[in-house]
Amino acid sequence: MSKQGHTRAVKGMKDILPTESHLWLKVEALCQEIFSRRGYRQIRMPILESTSLFSRSIGAETDIVSKEMYTFDDRNGDSVTLRPEGTASCVRAGIENGLFYNQQQRLWYTGPMFRYERPQKGRYRQFHQVGVECYGWSTPDIEAEVLGMCKQLFSVLGLENTMLYINSLGDSASRAQYRTALVEYLSQHKSQLDDDSVRRLDTNPLRILDSKNADVQALLENAPNILDFLSEESKQHFTDLQRYLTALGVEFSINPKLVRGLDYYNDTVFEWINHDYGAQSTVCGGGRYDGMVEQLGGQATPAFGFGMGMERLIEMLQEQDAQSMQAEQQAQVFVVSVGDEARLQALTLQQALTDSGVVVQCHMGAGSMKNQFKRADKSGAIVGLIIGEDEAKEHQASIKILSRDHAHALAQSEQQTIAQLDVVNVVTNLLDSL
């Protein structure tokens, strides 16, 4: 509560106001268009899941599970959690609904996620993700398809200066050998580690690789390289992915310290980074998680995907003044009416025009003709339709060009009166000619 007594949003939760929501709709529509071109279908999962789903899939020792989840007991005493990410929910839904057994699936989703983190630029405690998940392919060609699709999406959105970084974590045996070597190296320099890295040394040592501490990063310069521990099969997989990306014209850089923040990844991991954006520069990230379906009770199924934060993406696009962030579509027609009968006819015309694809606003409630025209000018509409008491009696409407840029469009006269039956044809033809 504020000092004045009115309720405020919970810390870290952000309202998306009408001045911004049209940008969200535009980005979501472009995602749907790009994904559907390649056969990806949308799935929608519940926001609330059993807590065990995330502790089993993400890893009990990760920061997400140990520090950041919104978890509580419901009225039955069952522990439930507001989902902190989408992949585990998607896997659970696929197993429960039989989507994976002897099948291949290209899926995508969008919606809110929840993590109790320190709010900062581009990061909120309720945030929204677009996710893509592919199930049933173990080969790197599906990875190249997804990463090529990312590049295509960023191009359509107008996002600039975004670079792809890739790495391979190898299979479980390779990763176990690397973990042993990394722990041995870091243990010899334990006094140079910060408290967070010391804690992770026993629980999740690979996460030390993406520490933000400059001293730790300097120490890691001489640490073992994970790429030196890959099996021959994982090496070939990573080499093939690079070949595919090169053929697709997707530029990339190899970062051996890229591990992502979740325990379930194997082999390929990746991040798209925008270096214009400062500390929170990751546009989207993901990788391969071949063991998760089996881990959560399904048949062994290879999987690959990513999550992309909507808040951060839209803020990046706004800062770059991307073409996709143009102003929302304004009204094309504003209907002015005076009197009860005129109001009824105005609503009827609005219905007919919007059925034809025209964006129409009607003045609602009482108001003089002068005040209504003021609202019409503020609306940004090109065409005004006027139904006064005289027009209403004759079932007519007067047409007036409101935009000075198009003042030449009505030949011979500034204002014309036509039968309401002709309004749709006259207005749509007029708009098409402008």
Protein backbone atom coordinates (compact mmCIF):
# COMPACT_ATOMS: atom_id res chain seq x y z
CA MET A 1 0.00 0.00 0.00
CA SER A 2 1.15 3.55 -0.69
CA LYS A 3 1.03 6.40 1.81
CA GLN A 4 -2.22 7.56 0.19
CA GLY A 5 -3.75 4.16 0.82
CA HIS A 6 -4.27 2.92 -2.75
CA THR A 7 -2.96 -0.45 -3.80
CA ARG A 8 0.17 -0.57 -5.95
CA ALA A 9 1.58 -3.33 -8.14
CA VAL A 10 3.69 -5.94 -6.38
CA LYS A 11 7.41 -5.18 -6.64
CA GLY A 12 8.85 -6.58 -9.84
CA MET A 13 5.47 -6.86 -11.56
CA LYS A 14 4.98 -4.45 -14.47
CA ASP A 15 1.78 -3.21 -16.08
CA ILE A 16 1.76 -3.33 -19.88
CA LEU A 17 -0.24 -0.25 -20.80
CA PRO A 18 -2.19 0.43 -24.03
CA THR A 19 0.67 2.63 -25.25
CA GLU A 20 2.87 -0.51 -25.28
CA SER A 21 0.49 -3.44 -25.72
CA HIS A 22 0.19 -2.92 -29.48
CA LEU A 23 3.96 -3.55 -29.71
CA TRP A 24 3.53 -6.82 -27.83
CA LEU A 25 0.73 -7.88 -30.16
CA LYS A 26 2.86 -7.03 -33.18
CA VAL A 27 5.89 -9.00 -31.96
CA GLU A 28 3.74 -11.98 -30.99
CA ALA A 29 2.03 -11.92 -34.39
CA LEU A 30 5.38 -11.88 -36.19
CA CYS A 31 6.61 -14.79 -34.02
CA GLN A 32 3.50 -16.78 -34.91
CA GLU A 33 3.95 -16.01 -38.60
CA ILE A 34 7.64 -16.97 -38.71
CA PHE A 35 7.15 -20.13 -36.64
CA SER A 36 4.09 -21.36 -38.52
CA ARG A 37 5.93 -21.09 -41.85
CA ARG A 38 8.11 -23.99 -40.66
CA GLY A 39 5.33 -26.08 -39.19
CA TYR A 40 5.56 -25.05 -35.53
CA ARG A 41 2.23 -25.28 -33.67
CA GLN A 42 1.27 -23.42 -30.51
CA ILE A 43 0.79 -25.16 -27.17
CA ARG A 44 -0.63 -23.45 -24.07
CA MET A 45 0.29 -24.78 -20.61
CA PRO A 46 -0.99 -23.87 -17.11
CA ILE A 47 0.83 -21.16 -15.18
CA LEU A 48 0.64 -23.24 -11.98
CA GLU A 49 2.46 -26.58 -11.78
CA SER A 50 3.51 -29.10 -9.15
CA THR A 51 6.72 -27.93 -7.46
CA SER A 52 8.35 -31.31 -8.00
CA LEU A 53 8.20 -30.77 -11.78
CA PHE A 54 10.80 -28.00 -11.57
CA SER A 55 13.00 -29.50 -8.85
CA ARG A 56 13.24 -32.71 -10.94
CA SER A 57 13.84 -31.02 -14.30
CA ILE A 58 15.69 -27.75 -13.64
CA GLY A 59 17.77 -29.10 -10.76
CA ALA A 60 17.34 -28.66 -7.01
CA GLU A 61 20.72 -26.89 -6.68
CA THR A 62 20.10 -24.25 -9.35
CA ASP A 63 19.45 -20.66 -8.29
CA ILE A 64 16.02 -20.84 -9.88
CA VAL A 65 14.82 -23.71 -7.68
CA SER A 66 16.77 -22.85 -4.53
CA LYS A 67 16.19 -19.07 -4.48
CA GLU A 68 13.80 -17.72 -7.11
CA MET A 69 10.61 -19.77 -7.37
CA TYR A 70 7.20 -18.60 -6.18
CA THR A 71 6.19 -21.75 -4.26
CA PHE A 72 3.33 -22.29 -1.81
CA ASP A 73 0.97 -24.96 -0.51
CA ASP A 74 -2.52 -24.97 -1.99
CA ARG A 75 -5.64 -25.69 0.06
CA ASN A 76 -5.06 -29.42 -0.22
CA GLY A 77 -1.57 -28.99 1.21
CA ASP A 78 0.10 -29.77 -2.12
CA SER A 79 3.21 -27.77 -3.00
CA VAL A 80 2.65 -25.79 -6.21
CA THR A 81 4.78 -23.26 -8.07
CA LEU A 82 4.19 -20.45 -10.52
CA ARG A 83 6.20 -21.66 -13.50
CA PRO A 84 9.70 -20.08 -13.66
CA GLU A 85 10.28 -21.29 -17.24
CA GLY A 86 8.38 -23.07 -19.99
CA THR A 87 10.36 -26.14 -21.03
CA ALA A 88 9.52 -28.34 -18.04
CA SER A 89 5.81 -27.51 -18.40
CA CYS A 90 5.96 -28.28 -22.12
CA VAL A 91 7.59 -31.66 -21.46
CA ARG A 92 5.04 -32.49 -18.76
CA ALA A 93 2.17 -31.58 -21.12
CA GLY A 94 3.68 -33.66 -23.93
CA ILE A 95 4.07 -36.75 -21.75
CA GLU A 96 0.63 -36.39 -20.16
CA ASN A 97 -1.13 -35.96 -23.50
CA GLY A 98 0.81 -38.52 -25.52
CA LEU A 99 2.52 -36.07 -27.87
CA PHE A 100 5.94 -37.73 -27.89
CA TYR A 101 5.44 -41.47 -28.25
CA ASN A 102 6.74 -42.43 -31.73
CA GLN A 103 6.12 -38.84 -32.84
CA GLN A 104 8.05 -35.71 -33.71
CA GLN A 105 6.77 -32.32 -32.57
CA ARG A 106 7.57 -28.72 -33.43
CA LEU A 107 5.93 -26.60 -30.72
CA TRP A 108 5.93 -22.98 -29.56
CA TYR A 109 4.32 -21.07 -26.72
CA THR A 110 4.12 -17.66 -25.13
CA GLY A 111 3.07 -16.49 -21.70
CA PRO A 112 4.11 -15.24 -18.25
CA MET A 113 6.84 -16.80 -16.08
CA PHE A 114 7.74 -15.93 -12.48
CA ARG A 115 11.09 -15.65 -10.69
CA TYR A 116 11.89 -13.82 -7.46
CA GLU A 117 14.89 -11.88 -8.72
CA ARG A 118 16.14 -8.35 -8.16
CA PRO A 119 14.14 -6.22 -10.62
CA GLN A 120 16.30 -4.35 -13.12
CA LYS A 121 16.25 -3.13 -16.69
CA GLY A 122 14.63 -5.75 -18.91
CA ARG A 123 14.12 -8.17 -15.99
CA TYR A 124 11.00 -8.42 -13.85
CA ARG A 125 9.61 -10.92 -11.36
CA GLN A 126 6.72 -11.58 -13.69
CA PHE A 127 8.14 -11.73 -17.18
CA HIS A 128 6.95 -13.11 -20.49
CA GLN A 129 8.66 -15.61 -22.74
CA VAL A 130 8.26 -16.91 -26.24
CA GLY A 131 9.51 -20.49 -26.37
CA VAL A 132 10.20 -22.99 -29.15
CA GLU A 133 10.57 -26.72 -28.44
CA CYS A 134 11.40 -29.55 -30.88
CA TYR A 135 10.98 -33.19 -29.86
CA GLY A 136 12.09 -36.35 -31.65
CA TRP A 137 15.24 -35.21 -33.49
CA SER A 138 18.73 -36.00 -32.18
CA THR A 139 20.62 -34.55 -35.16
CA PRO A 140 22.08 -31.03 -35.52
CA ASP A 141 19.97 -30.17 -38.57
CA ILE A 142 16.98 -29.36 -36.32
CA GLU A 143 19.26 -27.10 -34.27
CA ALA A 144 20.29 -25.27 -37.43
CA GLU A 145 16.63 -24.89 -38.43
CA VAL A 146 15.79 -23.30 -35.07
CA LEU A 147 18.80 -20.97 -35.09
CA GLY A 148 18.10 -19.99 -38.70
CA MET A 149 14.52 -19.25 -37.69
CA CYS A 150 15.81 -17.00 -34.89
CA LYS A 151 17.90 -15.07 -37.37
CA GLN A 152 14.90 -14.71 -39.68
CA LEU A 153 12.72 -13.45 -36.82
CA PHE A 154 15.28 -10.85 -35.74
CA SER A 155 15.59 -9.69 -39.34
CA VAL A 156 11.82 -9.26 -39.72
CA LEU A 157 11.63 -7.43 -36.39
CA GLY A 158 14.51 -5.15 -37.37
CA LEU A 159 16.71 -6.14 -34.40
CA GLU A 160 20.31 -5.14 -35.09
CA ASN A 161 23.77 -5.97 -33.71
CA THR A 162 22.76 -9.38 -32.35
CA MET A 163 25.36 -12.17 -32.33
CA LEU A 164 24.95 -15.92 -31.88
CA TYR A 165 27.26 -17.67 -29.40
CA ILE A 166 27.35 -21.49 -29.28
CA ASN A 167 29.03 -24.15 -27.18
CA SER A 168 28.85 -27.89 -26.59
CA LEU A 169 28.49 -29.41 -23.12
CA GLY A 170 28.93 -32.91 -24.51
CA ASP A 171 27.18 -36.04 -23.32
CA SER A 172 26.83 -36.99 -19.65
CA ALA A 173 30.12 -38.92 -19.52
CA SER A 174 32.08 -36.06 -21.12
CA ARG A 175 30.46 -33.54 -18.81
CA ALA A 176 31.26 -35.64 -15.73
CA GLN A 177 34.93 -35.83 -16.72
CA TYR A 178 35.04 -32.10 -17.33
CA ARG A 179 33.33 -31.36 -14.01
CA THR A 180 35.98 -33.36 -12.18
CA ALA A 181 38.80 -31.50 -13.94
CA LEU A 182 37.17 -28.09 -13.36
CA VAL A 183 36.60 -28.75 -9.64
CA GLU A 184 40.20 -29.93 -9.24
CA TYR A 185 41.51 -26.75 -10.90
CA LEU A 186 39.26 -24.36 -8.99
CA SER A 187 39.90 -26.08 -5.66
CA GLN A 188 43.58 -25.24 -6.05
CA HIS A 189 42.58 -21.55 -6.30
CA LYS A 190 39.70 -21.56 -3.82
CA SER A 191 40.98 -18.46 -2.02
CA GLN A 192 40.49 -16.45 -5.24
CA LEU A 193 36.83 -17.40 -5.61
CA ASP A 194 33.97 -15.25 -4.37
CA ASP A 195 31.44 -16.67 -1.91
CA ASP A 196 28.93 -17.53 -4.63
CA SER A 197 31.52 -19.50 -6.61
CA VAL A 198 32.70 -21.35 -3.49
CA ARG A 199 29.11 -22.44 -2.86
CA ARG A 200 28.71 -23.58 -6.47
CA LEU A 201 31.99 -25.51 -6.35
CA ASP A 202 30.20 -28.26 -4.41
CA THR A 203 26.75 -28.00 -5.98
CA ASN A 204 26.96 -26.80 -9.60
CA PRO A 205 30.57 -26.00 -10.62
CA LEU A 206 29.81 -25.42 -14.31
CA ARG A 207 27.78 -22.35 -13.34
CA ILE A 208 31.01 -20.73 -12.12
CA LEU A 209 31.99 -20.40 -15.80
CA ASP A 210 29.47 -17.58 -16.33
CA SER A 211 30.29 -15.74 -13.10
CA LYS A 212 30.02 -11.95 -13.41
CA ASN A 213 32.97 -11.47 -11.02
CA ALA A 214 35.95 -10.09 -12.96
CA ASP A 215 38.51 -11.80 -10.68
CA VAL A 216 36.80 -15.17 -11.15
CA GLN A 217 36.74 -14.67 -14.91
CA ALA A 218 40.47 -13.89 -14.87
CA LEU A 219 41.07 -17.13 -12.95
CA LEU A 220 39.00 -19.07 -15.51
CA GLU A 221 41.30 -18.01 -18.35
CA ASN A 222 43.59 -20.93 -17.46
CA ALA A 223 40.83 -23.38 -16.49
CA PRO A 224 40.24 -26.59 -18.45
CA ASN A 225 38.25 -26.12 -21.68
CA ILE A 226 35.07 -28.15 -21.92
CA LEU A 227 35.56 -28.66 -25.66
CA ASP A 228 38.69 -30.71 -24.91
CA PHE A 229 36.59 -33.29 -23.07
CA LEU A 230 33.98 -34.00 -25.76
CA SER A 231 33.43 -37.53 -27.01
CA GLU A 232 34.00 -38.18 -30.70
CA GLU A 233 30.24 -38.29 -31.25
CA SER A 234 29.69 -34.93 -29.54
CA LYS A 235 32.61 -33.40 -31.45
CA GLN A 236 31.10 -34.53 -34.75
CA HIS A 237 27.67 -33.23 -33.73
CA PHE A 238 29.13 -29.81 -32.92
CA THR A 239 31.16 -29.74 -36.14
CA ASP A 240 28.09 -30.60 -38.23
CA LEU A 241 26.07 -27.84 -36.56
CA GLN A 242 28.74 -25.29 -37.46
CA ARG A 243 28.69 -26.52 -41.07
CA TYR A 244 24.91 -26.14 -41.28
CA LEU A 245 24.97 -22.65 -39.76
CA THR A 246 27.64 -21.55 -42.21
CA ALA A 247 25.56 -22.86 -45.13
CA LEU A 248 22.55 -20.89 -43.82
CA GLY A 249 24.57 -17.69 -43.50
CA VAL A 250 24.11 -17.60 -39.73
CA GLU A 251 27.20 -16.00 -38.21
CA PHE A 252 28.31 -17.42 -34.87
CA SER A 253 31.11 -17.42 -32.35
CA ILE A 254 32.16 -20.33 -30.11
CA ASN A 255 32.19 -19.53 -26.37
CA PRO A 256 33.53 -22.49 -24.30
CA LYS A 257 32.31 -20.81 -21.07
CA LEU A 258 28.69 -20.71 -22.19
CA VAL A 259 26.80 -23.20 -19.99
CA ARG A 260 23.33 -21.65 -19.44
CA GLY A 261 21.73 -21.62 -15.99
CA LEU A 262 19.85 -24.91 -16.03
CA ASP A 263 21.05 -28.44 -15.27
CA TYR A 264 19.15 -30.23 -18.00
CA TYR A 265 21.23 -29.25 -21.05
CA ASN A 266 23.53 -31.57 -23.01
CA ASP A 267 25.60 -31.04 -26.17
CA THR A 268 24.58 -27.81 -27.94
CA VAL A 269 23.79 -24.67 -25.93
CA PHE A 270 23.48 -21.18 -27.36
CA GLU A 271 22.67 -17.54 -26.68
CA TRP A 272 21.85 -14.61 -28.93
CA ILE A 273 23.53 -11.53 -27.42
CA ASN A 274 22.89 -7.87 -28.21
CA HIS A 275 25.99 -5.94 -27.17
CA ASP A 276 24.21 -2.57 -27.43
CA TYR A 277 22.07 -3.37 -24.42
CA GLY A 278 24.49 -3.52 -21.48
CA ALA A 279 24.54 -6.16 -18.74
CA GLN A 280 21.17 -7.75 -19.58
CA SER A 281 22.13 -8.36 -23.19
CA THR A 282 20.83 -11.89 -23.82
CA VAL A 283 17.99 -11.81 -26.34
CA CYS A 284 17.25 -15.53 -26.16
CA GLY A 285 19.00 -18.72 -25.23
CA GLY A 286 18.55 -22.45 -25.12
CA GLY A 287 20.00 -25.74 -26.18
CA ARG A 288 19.57 -29.50 -26.26
CA TYR A 289 17.95 -31.41 -23.37
CA ASP A 290 17.72 -35.01 -24.53
CA GLY A 291 17.27 -36.50 -21.07
CA MET A 292 14.35 -34.47 -19.75
CA VAL A 293 11.41 -36.39 -21.22
CA GLU A 294 12.70 -39.67 -19.80
CA GLN A 295 13.65 -37.96 -16.52
CA LEU A 296 10.04 -36.82 -16.08
CA GLY A 297 8.58 -40.24 -16.79
CA GLY A 298 8.24 -40.40 -20.57
CA GLN A 299 9.94 -42.47 -23.24
CA ALA A 300 13.48 -41.31 -24.05
CA THR A 301 13.01 -38.44 -26.52
CA PRO A 302 15.65 -36.02 -27.86
CA ALA A 303 14.72 -32.35 -27.55
CA PHE A 304 16.00 -28.90 -28.49
CA GLY A 305 14.60 -25.42 -27.94
CA PHE A 306 14.90 -21.88 -26.61
CA GLY A 307 13.25 -19.23 -24.47
CA MET A 308 13.14 -15.55 -25.46
CA GLY A 309 12.22 -12.77 -23.02
CA MET A 310 9.57 -10.46 -24.44
CA GLU A 311 10.23 -7.49 -22.14
CA ARG A 312 13.90 -7.41 -23.00
CA LEU A 313 13.32 -7.96 -26.73
CA ILE A 314 10.78 -5.13 -26.96
CA GLU A 315 12.99 -2.74 -24.99
CA MET A 316 15.88 -3.53 -27.34
CA LEU A 317 13.70 -2.90 -30.39
CA GLN A 318 12.48 0.39 -28.93
CA GLU A 319 16.02 1.57 -28.14
CA GLN A 320 17.10 0.72 -31.68
CA ASP A 321 13.98 2.43 -33.07
CA ALA A 322 13.26 -0.69 -35.11
CA GLN A 323 10.78 -0.55 -37.98
CA SER A 324 8.55 -3.10 -36.21
CA MET A 325 8.06 -0.64 -33.34
CA GLN A 326 6.10 1.88 -35.41
CA ALA A 327 3.04 3.47 -33.83
CA GLU A 328 -0.09 1.41 -33.43
CA GLN A 329 -2.73 1.55 -36.13
CA GLN A 330 -4.92 4.62 -35.62
CA ALA A 331 -8.56 4.99 -36.48
CA GLN A 332 -9.14 5.50 -40.20
CA VAL A 333 -12.70 6.73 -39.73
CA PHE A 334 -14.32 8.68 -36.90
CA VAL A 335 -18.12 8.81 -36.73
CA VAL A 336 -19.73 11.95 -35.33
CA SER A 337 -23.42 11.73 -34.44
CA VAL A 338 -26.05 13.92 -32.76
CA GLY A 339 -29.26 12.51 -31.33
CA ASP A 340 -30.47 9.05 -30.32
CA GLU A 341 -31.45 7.93 -33.83
CA ALA A 342 -28.17 9.19 -35.26
CA ARG A 343 -26.26 7.28 -32.55
CA LEU A 344 -28.02 4.06 -33.48
CA GLN A 345 -27.19 4.59 -37.16
CA ALA A 346 -23.57 5.44 -36.27
CA LEU A 347 -23.17 2.11 -34.48
CA THR A 348 -24.68 0.30 -37.47
CA LEU A 349 -22.23 1.99 -39.84
CA GLN A 350 -19.32 1.21 -37.54
CA GLN A 351 -20.30 -2.47 -37.62
CA ALA A 352 -20.54 -2.51 -41.40
CA LEU A 353 -17.23 -0.69 -41.91
CA THR A 354 -15.29 -2.84 -39.45
CA ASP A 355 -16.71 -5.95 -41.15
CA SER A 356 -14.95 -4.61 -44.26
CA GLY A 357 -11.63 -4.23 -42.44
CA VAL A 358 -11.77 -0.48 -41.73
CA VAL A 359 -10.60 0.84 -38.33
CA VAL A 360 -13.47 2.94 -36.97
CA GLN A 361 -14.11 4.91 -33.79
CA CYS A 362 -17.53 6.19 -32.83
CA HIS A 363 -18.13 9.06 -30.46
CA MET A 364 -19.94 7.68 -27.45
CA GLY A 365 -22.13 9.54 -24.98
CA ALA A 366 -23.40 13.09 -25.14
CA GLY A 367 -21.38 15.82 -26.81
CA SER A 368 -21.75 18.82 -29.05
CA MET A 369 -20.74 18.63 -32.70
CA LYS A 370 -17.80 20.93 -31.94
CA ASN A 371 -16.46 18.73 -29.13
CA GLN A 372 -16.94 15.61 -31.20
CA PHE A 373 -14.86 17.07 -34.03
CA LYS A 374 -12.12 17.88 -31.51
CA ARG A 375 -12.08 14.20 -30.52
CA ALA A 376 -12.10 13.21 -34.18
CA ASP A 377 -9.00 15.34 -34.84
CA LYS A 378 -7.21 13.83 -31.82
CA SER A 379 -8.02 10.31 -33.01
CA GLY A 380 -5.80 10.75 -36.07
CA ALA A 381 -8.58 9.49 -38.35
CA ILE A 382 -8.41 10.35 -42.04
CA VAL A 383 -12.14 10.38 -42.73
CA GLY A 384 -15.00 11.77 -40.68
CA LEU A 385 -18.57 10.51 -41.03
CA ILE A 386 -21.20 12.93 -39.76
CA ILE A 387 -24.75 11.92 -38.92
CA GLY A 388 -26.75 14.88 -37.64
CA GLU A 389 -30.48 14.96 -37.04
CA ASP A 390 -31.18 15.83 -40.70
CA GLU A 391 -28.94 13.04 -42.02
CA ALA A 392 -30.53 10.59 -39.61
CA LYS A 393 -34.01 11.36 -40.92
CA GLU A 394 -32.88 10.72 -44.51
CA HIS A 395 -30.59 7.75 -43.63
CA GLN A 396 -27.65 9.67 -45.02
CA ALA A 397 -24.13 10.51 -43.82
CA SER A 398 -21.77 13.33 -44.67
CA ILE A 399 -18.13 12.53 -45.46
CA LYS A 400 -15.37 14.93 -44.48
CA ILE A 401 -11.61 14.55 -44.90
CA LEU A 402 -10.06 15.20 -41.48
CA SER A 403 -6.38 14.82 -42.37
CA ARG A 404 -4.81 17.86 -44.00
CA ASP A 405 -2.40 15.54 -45.80
CA HIS A 406 -5.38 14.11 -47.71
CA ALA A 407 -7.49 17.25 -48.08
CA HIS A 408 -7.36 16.95 -51.88
CA ALA A 409 -9.09 13.57 -51.86
CA LEU A 410 -12.69 14.77 -52.07
CA ALA A 411 -13.03 16.37 -55.47
CA GLN A 412 -15.08 19.52 -55.97
CA SER A 413 -16.21 19.79 -52.35
CA GLU A 414 -14.87 19.67 -48.81
CA GLN A 415 -17.86 17.63 -47.65
CA GLN A 416 -20.23 15.28 -49.44
CA THR A 417 -23.50 13.73 -48.32
CA ILE A 418 -24.34 10.19 -49.44
CA ALA A 419 -26.84 7.48 -48.62
CA GLN A 420 -25.79 5.27 -45.72
CA LEU A 421 -26.19 2.21 -47.95
CA ASP A 422 -23.28 3.55 -50.03
CA VAL A 423 -20.99 4.42 -47.12
CA VAL A 424 -18.98 1.18 -47.08
CA ASN A 425 -18.18 1.29 -50.81
CA VAL A 426 -17.44 5.02 -50.86
CA VAL A 427 -15.24 4.98 -47.75
CA THR A 428 -13.27 1.82 -48.64
CA ASN A 429 -12.64 3.13 -52.19
CA LEU A 430 -11.59 6.50 -50.76
CA LEU A 431 -9.16 4.93 -48.31
CA ASP A 432 -7.73 2.67 -51.02
CA SER A 433 -7.05 5.71 -53.19
CA LEU A 434 -5.10 7.59 -50.54
